[in-house]
Amino acid sequence: MTVQQNLGLPVQGEFHTRYLDMLALLERLHRLLLDLIKDEFERLGMVDINPVQALLLYNIADHEVTAGELKSRGYYQGSNVSYNLKKLVELGYIHHQRCSVDRRAVRVRLTDKGRVVRDHVAALFERHARTIFEGGVLEYATLDTVARSLKRIERFWGDQIRYIY
């Protein structure tokens, strides 16, 4: 038995395996989140936007932001932010305006139609949170521990990217 096993710590191979399991789980959870949003919007008869776009509207909320800010603030994960913003403008979900200071930058904010989508996503998340809590799926302390752990992973990954450059 190794010293790590005596202390109740996982050996390096076990940690590596658990880390890979967590990565796969994060990916599956994100896909499931998008499926939940898609199903909700299909039930509501709102099929003109996709779940990624709905989540983007939810994250913009009451802010007025540029495409670059969407990425840097972590509101949007993806390489096709410009495409989705263009589609959302065309569909009337967001309003766009060139910045007066930097004419290359475009600031976006939700229209009334976009706020309706944001409100539907917020209601979905509120309903899920309430059901998870009231149904005893997770206790607050467990959810808090998971959130804190994921924030540490986020900081670690961010530091790794900064270290490269």
N, C-alpha and C. Protein backbone atom coordinates (compact mmCIF):
# COMPACT_ATOMS: atom_id res chain seq x y z
N MET A 1 0.85 -1.18 0.00
CA MET A 1 0.00 0.00 0.00
C MET A 1 0.89 1.24 0.00
N THR A 2 0.57 2.21 -0.86
CA THR A 2 1.39 3.43 -0.95
C THR A 2 1.02 4.39 0.16
N VAL A 3 1.88 5.38 0.37
CA VAL A 3 1.62 6.41 1.36
C VAL A 3 0.32 7.14 1.02
N GLN A 4 0.11 7.42 -0.28
CA GLN A 4 -1.11 8.13 -0.70
C GLN A 4 -2.34 7.31 -0.32
N GLN A 5 -2.29 6.00 -0.54
CA GLN A 5 -3.43 5.17 -0.22
C GLN A 5 -3.65 5.13 1.29
N ASN A 6 -2.56 5.10 2.08
CA ASN A 6 -2.70 5.12 3.54
C ASN A 6 -3.39 6.39 4.02
N LEU A 7 -3.14 7.52 3.36
CA LEU A 7 -3.75 8.79 3.75
C LEU A 7 -5.15 8.96 3.17
N GLY A 8 -5.61 8.00 2.41
CA GLY A 8 -6.92 8.10 1.79
C GLY A 8 -6.91 8.95 0.53
N LEU A 9 -5.72 9.26 0.01
CA LEU A 9 -5.61 10.06 -1.20
C LEU A 9 -5.56 9.14 -2.42
N PRO A 10 -6.13 9.59 -3.53
CA PRO A 10 -6.09 8.74 -4.74
C PRO A 10 -4.68 8.71 -5.31
N VAL A 11 -4.32 7.58 -5.86
CA VAL A 11 -3.04 7.52 -6.54
C VAL A 11 -3.17 8.29 -7.85
N GLN A 12 -2.04 8.66 -8.43
CA GLN A 12 -2.05 9.54 -9.59
C GLN A 12 -2.92 9.03 -10.73
N GLY A 13 -2.86 7.74 -11.03
CA GLY A 13 -3.67 7.18 -12.11
C GLY A 13 -5.16 7.30 -11.83
N GLU A 14 -5.56 7.07 -10.58
CA GLU A 14 -6.97 7.21 -10.22
C GLU A 14 -7.43 8.66 -10.35
N PHE A 15 -6.57 9.60 -9.96
CA PHE A 15 -6.92 11.02 -10.08
C PHE A 15 -7.09 11.40 -11.54
N HIS A 16 -6.17 10.91 -12.37
CA HIS A 16 -6.23 11.19 -13.81
C HIS A 16 -7.55 10.67 -14.40
N THR A 17 -7.92 9.47 -14.02
CA THR A 17 -9.16 8.87 -14.51
C THR A 17 -10.36 9.69 -14.06
N ARG A 18 -10.38 10.11 -12.79
CA ARG A 18 -11.49 10.91 -12.27
C ARG A 18 -11.55 12.27 -12.97
N TYR A 19 -10.39 12.86 -13.25
CA TYR A 19 -10.33 14.14 -13.97
C TYR A 19 -10.94 13.99 -15.37
N LEU A 20 -10.59 12.93 -16.07
CA LEU A 20 -11.16 12.69 -17.40
C LEU A 20 -12.67 12.45 -17.32
N ASP A 21 -13.11 11.75 -16.28
CA ASP A 21 -14.55 11.55 -16.07
C ASP A 21 -15.25 12.89 -15.89
N MET A 22 -14.62 13.79 -15.12
CA MET A 22 -15.21 15.10 -14.88
C MET A 22 -15.30 15.90 -16.18
N LEU A 23 -14.27 15.84 -17.02
CA LEU A 23 -14.29 16.56 -18.29
C LEU A 23 -15.44 16.07 -19.17
N ALA A 24 -15.59 14.77 -19.25
CA ALA A 24 -16.68 14.21 -20.05
C ALA A 24 -18.03 14.60 -19.47
N LEU A 25 -18.15 14.60 -18.15
CA LEU A 25 -19.40 14.98 -17.50
C LEU A 25 -19.74 16.44 -17.77
N LEU A 26 -18.76 17.32 -17.72
CA LEU A 26 -19.00 18.74 -18.02
C LEU A 26 -19.55 18.91 -19.43
N GLU A 27 -18.97 18.20 -20.36
CA GLU A 27 -19.43 18.29 -21.75
C GLU A 27 -20.86 17.76 -21.88
N ARG A 28 -21.14 16.62 -21.24
CA ARG A 28 -22.49 16.06 -21.31
C ARG A 28 -23.51 16.98 -20.64
N LEU A 29 -23.13 17.58 -19.52
CA LEU A 29 -24.04 18.49 -18.82
C LEU A 29 -24.36 19.70 -19.69
N HIS A 30 -23.37 20.24 -20.36
CA HIS A 30 -23.62 21.40 -21.24
C HIS A 30 -24.58 21.01 -22.36
N ARG A 31 -24.36 19.85 -22.95
CA ARG A 31 -25.26 19.40 -24.01
C ARG A 31 -26.67 19.18 -23.49
N LEU A 32 -26.79 18.61 -22.29
CA LEU A 32 -28.10 18.40 -21.69
C LEU A 32 -28.79 19.74 -21.39
N LEU A 33 -28.01 20.72 -20.94
CA LEU A 33 -28.57 22.05 -20.70
C LEU A 33 -29.17 22.60 -21.99
N LEU A 34 -28.43 22.48 -23.08
CA LEU A 34 -28.95 22.95 -24.36
C LEU A 34 -30.20 22.17 -24.77
N ASP A 35 -30.23 20.87 -24.51
CA ASP A 35 -31.42 20.07 -24.81
C ASP A 35 -32.62 20.50 -23.96
N LEU A 36 -32.38 20.81 -22.70
CA LEU A 36 -33.46 21.28 -21.83
C LEU A 36 -34.06 22.58 -22.35
N ILE A 37 -33.19 23.50 -22.77
CA ILE A 37 -33.66 24.77 -23.31
C ILE A 37 -34.42 24.53 -24.60
N LYS A 38 -33.89 23.66 -25.46
CA LYS A 38 -34.57 23.34 -26.73
C LYS A 38 -35.96 22.77 -26.48
N ASP A 39 -36.06 21.82 -25.57
CA ASP A 39 -37.35 21.22 -25.26
C ASP A 39 -38.33 22.25 -24.71
N GLU A 40 -37.87 23.11 -23.83
CA GLU A 40 -38.72 24.15 -23.26
C GLU A 40 -39.25 25.07 -24.35
N PHE A 41 -38.38 25.48 -25.24
CA PHE A 41 -38.79 26.41 -26.29
C PHE A 41 -39.70 25.73 -27.33
N GLU A 42 -39.50 24.45 -27.57
CA GLU A 42 -40.41 23.72 -28.45
C GLU A 42 -41.80 23.64 -27.82
N ARG A 43 -41.86 23.40 -26.50
CA ARG A 43 -43.15 23.36 -25.80
C ARG A 43 -43.87 24.71 -25.89
N LEU A 44 -43.07 25.78 -25.87
CA LEU A 44 -43.64 27.13 -25.93
C LEU A 44 -43.93 27.56 -27.37
N GLY A 45 -43.55 26.73 -28.34
CA GLY A 45 -43.75 27.08 -29.74
C GLY A 45 -42.78 28.13 -30.25
N MET A 46 -41.67 28.30 -29.56
CA MET A 46 -40.65 29.28 -29.95
C MET A 46 -39.50 28.52 -30.62
N VAL A 47 -39.61 28.33 -31.93
CA VAL A 47 -38.64 27.50 -32.62
C VAL A 47 -37.75 28.28 -33.59
N ASP A 48 -37.84 29.62 -33.54
CA ASP A 48 -37.04 30.40 -34.49
C ASP A 48 -35.61 30.65 -34.02
N ILE A 49 -35.31 30.36 -32.76
CA ILE A 49 -33.93 30.49 -32.29
C ILE A 49 -33.49 29.16 -31.69
N ASN A 50 -32.19 28.96 -31.65
CA ASN A 50 -31.67 27.71 -31.10
C ASN A 50 -31.29 27.92 -29.63
N PRO A 51 -31.01 26.83 -28.91
CA PRO A 51 -30.70 26.93 -27.48
C PRO A 51 -29.47 27.78 -27.18
N VAL A 52 -28.46 27.72 -28.04
CA VAL A 52 -27.26 28.53 -27.83
C VAL A 52 -27.62 30.00 -27.88
N GLN A 53 -28.46 30.37 -28.83
CA GLN A 53 -28.89 31.76 -28.96
C GLN A 53 -29.74 32.18 -27.76
N ALA A 54 -30.62 31.29 -27.29
CA ALA A 54 -31.44 31.59 -26.12
C ALA A 54 -30.57 31.80 -24.89
N LEU A 55 -29.56 30.96 -24.73
CA LEU A 55 -28.65 31.10 -23.60
C LEU A 55 -27.84 32.40 -23.71
N LEU A 56 -27.48 32.76 -24.92
CA LEU A 56 -26.77 34.01 -25.16
C LEU A 56 -27.65 35.19 -24.73
N LEU A 57 -28.93 35.16 -25.09
CA LEU A 57 -29.85 36.23 -24.68
C LEU A 57 -29.99 36.26 -23.16
N TYR A 58 -30.07 35.10 -22.55
CA TYR A 58 -30.16 35.04 -21.09
C TYR A 58 -28.95 35.70 -20.44
N ASN A 59 -27.78 35.42 -20.98
CA ASN A 59 -26.55 35.94 -20.38
C ASN A 59 -26.33 37.43 -20.65
N ILE A 60 -26.84 37.92 -21.76
CA ILE A 60 -26.74 39.37 -22.02
C ILE A 60 -27.61 40.11 -21.00
N ALA A 61 -28.79 39.58 -20.74
CA ALA A 61 -29.73 40.14 -19.76
C ALA A 61 -29.94 41.63 -20.00
N ASP A 62 -29.71 42.44 -18.98
CA ASP A 62 -29.94 43.87 -19.08
C ASP A 62 -28.67 44.64 -19.43
N HIS A 63 -27.62 43.93 -19.80
CA HIS A 63 -26.34 44.57 -20.13
C HIS A 63 -26.34 45.06 -21.57
N GLU A 64 -25.49 46.02 -21.83
CA GLU A 64 -25.19 46.43 -23.20
C GLU A 64 -23.72 46.09 -23.40
N VAL A 65 -23.43 45.18 -24.31
CA VAL A 65 -22.07 44.63 -24.43
C VAL A 65 -21.64 44.53 -25.89
N THR A 66 -20.33 44.35 -26.07
CA THR A 66 -19.79 44.05 -27.40
C THR A 66 -19.59 42.55 -27.50
N ALA A 67 -19.36 42.07 -28.71
CA ALA A 67 -19.10 40.64 -28.91
C ALA A 67 -17.88 40.22 -28.11
N GLY A 68 -16.85 41.05 -28.11
CA GLY A 68 -15.64 40.74 -27.35
C GLY A 68 -15.91 40.61 -25.86
N GLU A 69 -16.76 41.48 -25.33
CA GLU A 69 -17.10 41.41 -23.91
C GLU A 69 -17.88 40.14 -23.59
N LEU A 70 -18.70 39.70 -24.52
CA LEU A 70 -19.45 38.46 -24.29
C LEU A 70 -18.49 37.30 -24.03
N LYS A 71 -17.42 37.26 -24.80
CA LYS A 71 -16.44 36.18 -24.61
C LYS A 71 -15.61 36.40 -23.35
N SER A 72 -15.10 37.62 -23.16
CA SER A 72 -14.20 37.87 -22.03
C SER A 72 -14.92 37.76 -20.69
N ARG A 73 -16.19 38.08 -20.63
CA ARG A 73 -16.94 37.98 -19.38
C ARG A 73 -17.46 36.57 -19.14
N GLY A 74 -17.25 35.69 -20.11
CA GLY A 74 -17.70 34.32 -19.93
C GLY A 74 -19.17 34.12 -20.20
N TYR A 75 -19.83 35.11 -20.82
CA TYR A 75 -21.25 34.98 -21.14
C TYR A 75 -21.46 34.03 -22.31
N TYR A 76 -20.45 33.85 -23.10
CA TYR A 76 -20.65 33.08 -24.32
C TYR A 76 -19.44 32.20 -24.56
N GLN A 77 -19.68 30.94 -24.75
CA GLN A 77 -18.63 29.99 -25.04
C GLN A 77 -18.81 29.50 -26.46
N GLY A 78 -17.97 29.95 -27.35
CA GLY A 78 -18.10 29.49 -28.72
C GLY A 78 -17.42 30.42 -29.69
N SER A 79 -17.09 29.88 -30.83
CA SER A 79 -16.36 30.65 -31.83
C SER A 79 -17.29 31.38 -32.79
N ASN A 80 -18.58 31.07 -32.74
CA ASN A 80 -19.50 31.65 -33.71
C ASN A 80 -20.39 32.74 -33.10
N VAL A 81 -19.83 33.52 -32.18
CA VAL A 81 -20.61 34.57 -31.53
C VAL A 81 -21.11 35.59 -32.54
N SER A 82 -20.28 35.97 -33.51
CA SER A 82 -20.70 36.97 -34.50
C SER A 82 -21.88 36.47 -35.33
N TYR A 83 -21.83 35.20 -35.72
CA TYR A 83 -22.93 34.61 -36.48
C TYR A 83 -24.23 34.67 -35.67
N ASN A 84 -24.16 34.23 -34.42
CA ASN A 84 -25.37 34.20 -33.60
C ASN A 84 -25.89 35.60 -33.31
N LEU A 85 -25.01 36.56 -33.09
CA LEU A 85 -25.46 37.93 -32.89
C LEU A 85 -26.15 38.47 -34.14
N LYS A 86 -25.57 38.19 -35.30
CA LYS A 86 -26.17 38.65 -36.56
C LYS A 86 -27.57 38.05 -36.72
N LYS A 87 -27.71 36.75 -36.46
CA LYS A 87 -29.02 36.09 -36.58
C LYS A 87 -30.02 36.69 -35.58
N LEU A 88 -29.57 36.96 -34.37
CA LEU A 88 -30.47 37.51 -33.36
C LEU A 88 -30.91 38.93 -33.71
N VAL A 89 -30.03 39.69 -34.35
CA VAL A 89 -30.40 41.03 -34.84
C VAL A 89 -31.45 40.88 -35.93
N GLU A 90 -31.19 39.98 -36.89
CA GLU A 90 -32.13 39.76 -38.01
C GLU A 90 -33.50 39.33 -37.51
N LEU A 91 -33.53 38.54 -36.45
CA LEU A 91 -34.80 38.02 -35.92
C LEU A 91 -35.47 38.99 -34.94
N GLY A 92 -34.80 40.09 -34.63
CA GLY A 92 -35.39 41.11 -33.77
C GLY A 92 -35.24 40.87 -32.28
N TYR A 93 -34.31 39.99 -31.88
CA TYR A 93 -34.11 39.71 -30.46
C TYR A 93 -33.11 40.66 -29.80
N ILE A 94 -32.20 41.21 -30.60
CA ILE A 94 -31.25 42.17 -30.04
C ILE A 94 -31.15 43.38 -30.96
N HIS A 95 -30.80 44.48 -30.33
CA HIS A 95 -30.56 45.73 -31.04
C HIS A 95 -29.05 45.94 -31.06
N HIS A 96 -28.52 46.41 -32.17
CA HIS A 96 -27.08 46.66 -32.23
C HIS A 96 -26.83 48.11 -32.66
N GLN A 97 -25.71 48.64 -32.19
CA GLN A 97 -25.34 50.03 -32.49
C GLN A 97 -23.82 50.13 -32.45
N ARG A 98 -23.25 50.80 -33.42
CA ARG A 98 -21.80 51.04 -33.44
C ARG A 98 -21.41 51.92 -32.26
N CYS A 99 -20.27 51.61 -31.66
CA CYS A 99 -19.75 52.43 -30.56
C CYS A 99 -19.33 53.78 -31.11
N SER A 100 -19.61 54.82 -30.36
CA SER A 100 -19.21 56.15 -30.79
C SER A 100 -17.71 56.34 -30.67
N VAL A 101 -17.07 55.68 -29.73
CA VAL A 101 -15.63 55.81 -29.51
C VAL A 101 -14.84 54.96 -30.50
N ASP A 102 -15.21 53.69 -30.63
CA ASP A 102 -14.52 52.76 -31.53
C ASP A 102 -15.53 52.26 -32.55
N ARG A 103 -15.51 52.83 -33.73
CA ARG A 103 -16.51 52.52 -34.76
C ARG A 103 -16.45 51.05 -35.22
N ARG A 104 -15.35 50.35 -34.91
CA ARG A 104 -15.26 48.93 -35.28
C ARG A 104 -16.11 48.06 -34.37
N ALA A 105 -16.32 48.52 -33.15
CA ALA A 105 -17.06 47.73 -32.16
C ALA A 105 -18.55 48.00 -32.27
N VAL A 106 -19.32 46.96 -32.06
CA VAL A 106 -20.78 47.06 -32.07
C VAL A 106 -21.27 46.66 -30.69
N ARG A 107 -22.11 47.49 -30.11
CA ARG A 107 -22.70 47.19 -28.82
C ARG A 107 -24.08 46.60 -29.06
N VAL A 108 -24.43 45.59 -28.27
CA VAL A 108 -25.73 44.94 -28.41
C VAL A 108 -26.48 44.97 -27.09
N ARG A 109 -27.79 45.01 -27.20
CA ARG A 109 -28.66 44.90 -26.03
C ARG A 109 -29.96 44.22 -26.48
N LEU A 110 -30.69 43.67 -25.53
CA LEU A 110 -31.91 42.95 -25.85
C LEU A 110 -33.04 43.90 -26.24
N THR A 111 -33.84 43.46 -27.18
CA THR A 111 -35.09 44.13 -27.50
C THR A 111 -36.15 43.56 -26.55
N ASP A 112 -37.36 44.06 -26.64
CA ASP A 112 -38.45 43.49 -25.84
C ASP A 112 -38.63 42.01 -26.15
N LYS A 113 -38.52 41.67 -27.42
CA LYS A 113 -38.63 40.27 -27.85
C LYS A 113 -37.52 39.43 -27.23
N GLY A 114 -36.32 39.97 -27.15
CA GLY A 114 -35.19 39.27 -26.53
C GLY A 114 -35.38 39.09 -25.04
N ARG A 115 -35.98 40.10 -24.39
CA ARG A 115 -36.23 39.99 -22.95
C ARG A 115 -37.26 38.90 -22.64
N VAL A 116 -38.20 38.68 -23.55
CA VAL A 116 -39.17 37.59 -23.37
C VAL A 116 -38.43 36.25 -23.34
N VAL A 117 -37.49 36.06 -24.26
CA VAL A 117 -36.70 34.82 -24.28
C VAL A 117 -35.90 34.70 -22.99
N ARG A 118 -35.22 35.78 -22.61
CA ARG A 118 -34.44 35.77 -21.38
C ARG A 118 -35.31 35.38 -20.20
N ASP A 119 -36.51 35.93 -20.12
CA ASP A 119 -37.42 35.63 -19.01
C ASP A 119 -37.84 34.16 -19.01
N HIS A 120 -38.05 33.58 -20.20
CA HIS A 120 -38.41 32.15 -20.27
C HIS A 120 -37.25 31.27 -19.77
N VAL A 121 -36.04 31.61 -20.17
CA VAL A 121 -34.87 30.83 -19.71
C VAL A 121 -34.71 30.99 -18.20
N ALA A 122 -34.87 32.23 -17.71
CA ALA A 122 -34.75 32.46 -16.26
C ALA A 122 -35.80 31.66 -15.50
N ALA A 123 -37.02 31.62 -16.02
CA ALA A 123 -38.08 30.85 -15.36
C ALA A 123 -37.76 29.36 -15.37
N LEU A 124 -37.20 28.87 -16.47
CA LEU A 124 -36.80 27.46 -16.55
C LEU A 124 -35.75 27.16 -15.48
N PHE A 125 -34.73 28.00 -15.38
CA PHE A 125 -33.67 27.78 -14.40
C PHE A 125 -34.20 27.87 -12.97
N GLU A 126 -35.10 28.82 -12.73
CA GLU A 126 -35.69 28.96 -11.40
C GLU A 126 -36.51 27.72 -11.04
N ARG A 127 -37.28 27.24 -11.99
CA ARG A 127 -38.09 26.04 -11.77
C ARG A 127 -37.20 24.84 -11.47
N HIS A 128 -36.12 24.68 -12.22
CA HIS A 128 -35.20 23.56 -11.98
C HIS A 128 -34.54 23.68 -10.62
N ALA A 129 -34.08 24.88 -10.27
CA ALA A 129 -33.42 25.07 -8.97
C ALA A 129 -34.37 24.72 -7.82
N ARG A 130 -35.61 25.18 -7.94
CA ARG A 130 -36.60 24.91 -6.90
C ARG A 130 -36.87 23.40 -6.80
N THR A 131 -37.01 22.74 -7.94
CA THR A 131 -37.29 21.30 -7.95
C THR A 131 -36.11 20.51 -7.38
N ILE A 132 -34.91 20.90 -7.75
CA ILE A 132 -33.72 20.21 -7.23
C ILE A 132 -33.64 20.37 -5.71
N PHE A 133 -33.91 21.58 -5.23
CA PHE A 133 -33.84 21.84 -3.79
C PHE A 133 -34.97 21.14 -3.04
N GLU A 134 -36.22 21.38 -3.49
CA GLU A 134 -37.37 20.82 -2.79
C GLU A 134 -37.44 19.31 -2.91
N GLY A 135 -36.92 18.76 -4.01
CA GLY A 135 -36.94 17.32 -4.20
C GLY A 135 -35.78 16.60 -3.52
N GLY A 136 -34.90 17.36 -2.90
CA GLY A 136 -33.78 16.76 -2.19
C GLY A 136 -32.72 16.16 -3.10
N VAL A 137 -32.70 16.60 -4.36
CA VAL A 137 -31.69 16.09 -5.29
C VAL A 137 -30.30 16.50 -4.84
N LEU A 138 -30.18 17.75 -4.39
CA LEU A 138 -28.92 18.28 -3.87
C LEU A 138 -29.21 19.20 -2.70
N GLU A 139 -28.36 19.15 -1.71
CA GLU A 139 -28.43 20.12 -0.62
C GLU A 139 -27.61 21.33 -1.02
N TYR A 140 -27.93 22.47 -0.40
CA TYR A 140 -27.21 23.70 -0.73
C TYR A 140 -25.71 23.53 -0.53
N ALA A 141 -25.31 22.90 0.57
CA ALA A 141 -23.88 22.74 0.87
C ALA A 141 -23.17 21.95 -0.23
N THR A 142 -23.83 20.93 -0.75
CA THR A 142 -23.24 20.13 -1.83
C THR A 142 -23.12 20.96 -3.09
N LEU A 143 -24.18 21.67 -3.43
CA LEU A 143 -24.17 22.53 -4.62
C LEU A 143 -23.08 23.59 -4.49
N ASP A 144 -22.94 24.16 -3.30
CA ASP A 144 -21.92 25.17 -3.06
C ASP A 144 -20.52 24.59 -3.22
N THR A 145 -20.30 23.39 -2.71
CA THR A 145 -19.00 22.73 -2.86
C THR A 145 -18.68 22.46 -4.33
N VAL A 146 -19.66 21.99 -5.08
CA VAL A 146 -19.46 21.74 -6.51
C VAL A 146 -19.12 23.05 -7.23
N ALA A 147 -19.89 24.11 -6.95
CA ALA A 147 -19.65 25.40 -7.60
C ALA A 147 -18.26 25.93 -7.27
N ARG A 148 -17.86 25.82 -6.02
CA ARG A 148 -16.52 26.28 -5.63
C ARG A 148 -15.42 25.47 -6.32
N SER A 149 -15.64 24.18 -6.42
CA SER A 149 -14.66 23.31 -7.10
C SER A 149 -14.55 23.67 -8.57
N LEU A 150 -15.68 23.90 -9.22
CA LEU A 150 -15.66 24.26 -10.65
C LEU A 150 -15.00 25.62 -10.86
N LYS A 151 -15.20 26.54 -9.93
CA LYS A 151 -14.54 27.85 -10.03
C LYS A 151 -13.02 27.69 -9.91
N ARG A 152 -12.57 26.78 -9.06
CA ARG A 152 -11.12 26.54 -8.95
C ARG A 152 -10.58 25.94 -10.25
N ILE A 153 -11.32 25.03 -10.86
CA ILE A 153 -10.90 24.48 -12.15
C ILE A 153 -10.87 25.59 -13.19
N GLU A 154 -11.89 26.45 -13.21
CA GLU A 154 -11.93 27.57 -14.16
C GLU A 154 -10.70 28.47 -14.00
N ARG A 155 -10.36 28.80 -12.75
CA ARG A 155 -9.16 29.62 -12.51
C ARG A 155 -7.90 28.91 -12.96
N PHE A 156 -7.81 27.62 -12.67
CA PHE A 156 -6.63 26.84 -13.06
C PHE A 156 -6.47 26.85 -14.58
N TRP A 157 -7.57 26.55 -15.29
CA TRP A 157 -7.51 26.53 -16.75
C TRP A 157 -7.16 27.91 -17.29
N GLY A 158 -7.75 28.96 -16.74
CA GLY A 158 -7.44 30.32 -17.16
C GLY A 158 -5.98 30.65 -16.95
N ASP A 159 -5.45 30.22 -15.82
CA ASP A 159 -4.02 30.45 -15.53
C ASP A 159 -3.15 29.68 -16.52
N GLN A 160 -3.57 28.50 -16.92
CA GLN A 160 -2.81 27.72 -17.88
C GLN A 160 -2.74 28.43 -19.22
N ILE A 161 -3.84 29.03 -19.63
CA ILE A 161 -3.87 29.77 -20.90
C ILE A 161 -2.98 30.99 -20.81
N ARG A 162 -3.06 31.74 -19.71
CA ARG A 162 -2.22 32.93 -19.54
C ARG A 162 -0.75 32.55 -19.48
N TYR A 163 -0.46 31.38 -18.89
CA TYR A 163 0.92 30.94 -18.77
C TYR A 163 1.53 30.66 -20.14
N ILE A 164 0.72 30.14 -21.05
CA ILE A 164 1.19 29.81 -22.41
C ILE A 164 1.66 31.07 -23.12
N TYR A 165 0.91 32.16 -22.95
CA TYR A 165 1.23 33.40 -23.64
C TYR A 165 2.11 34.25 -22.79
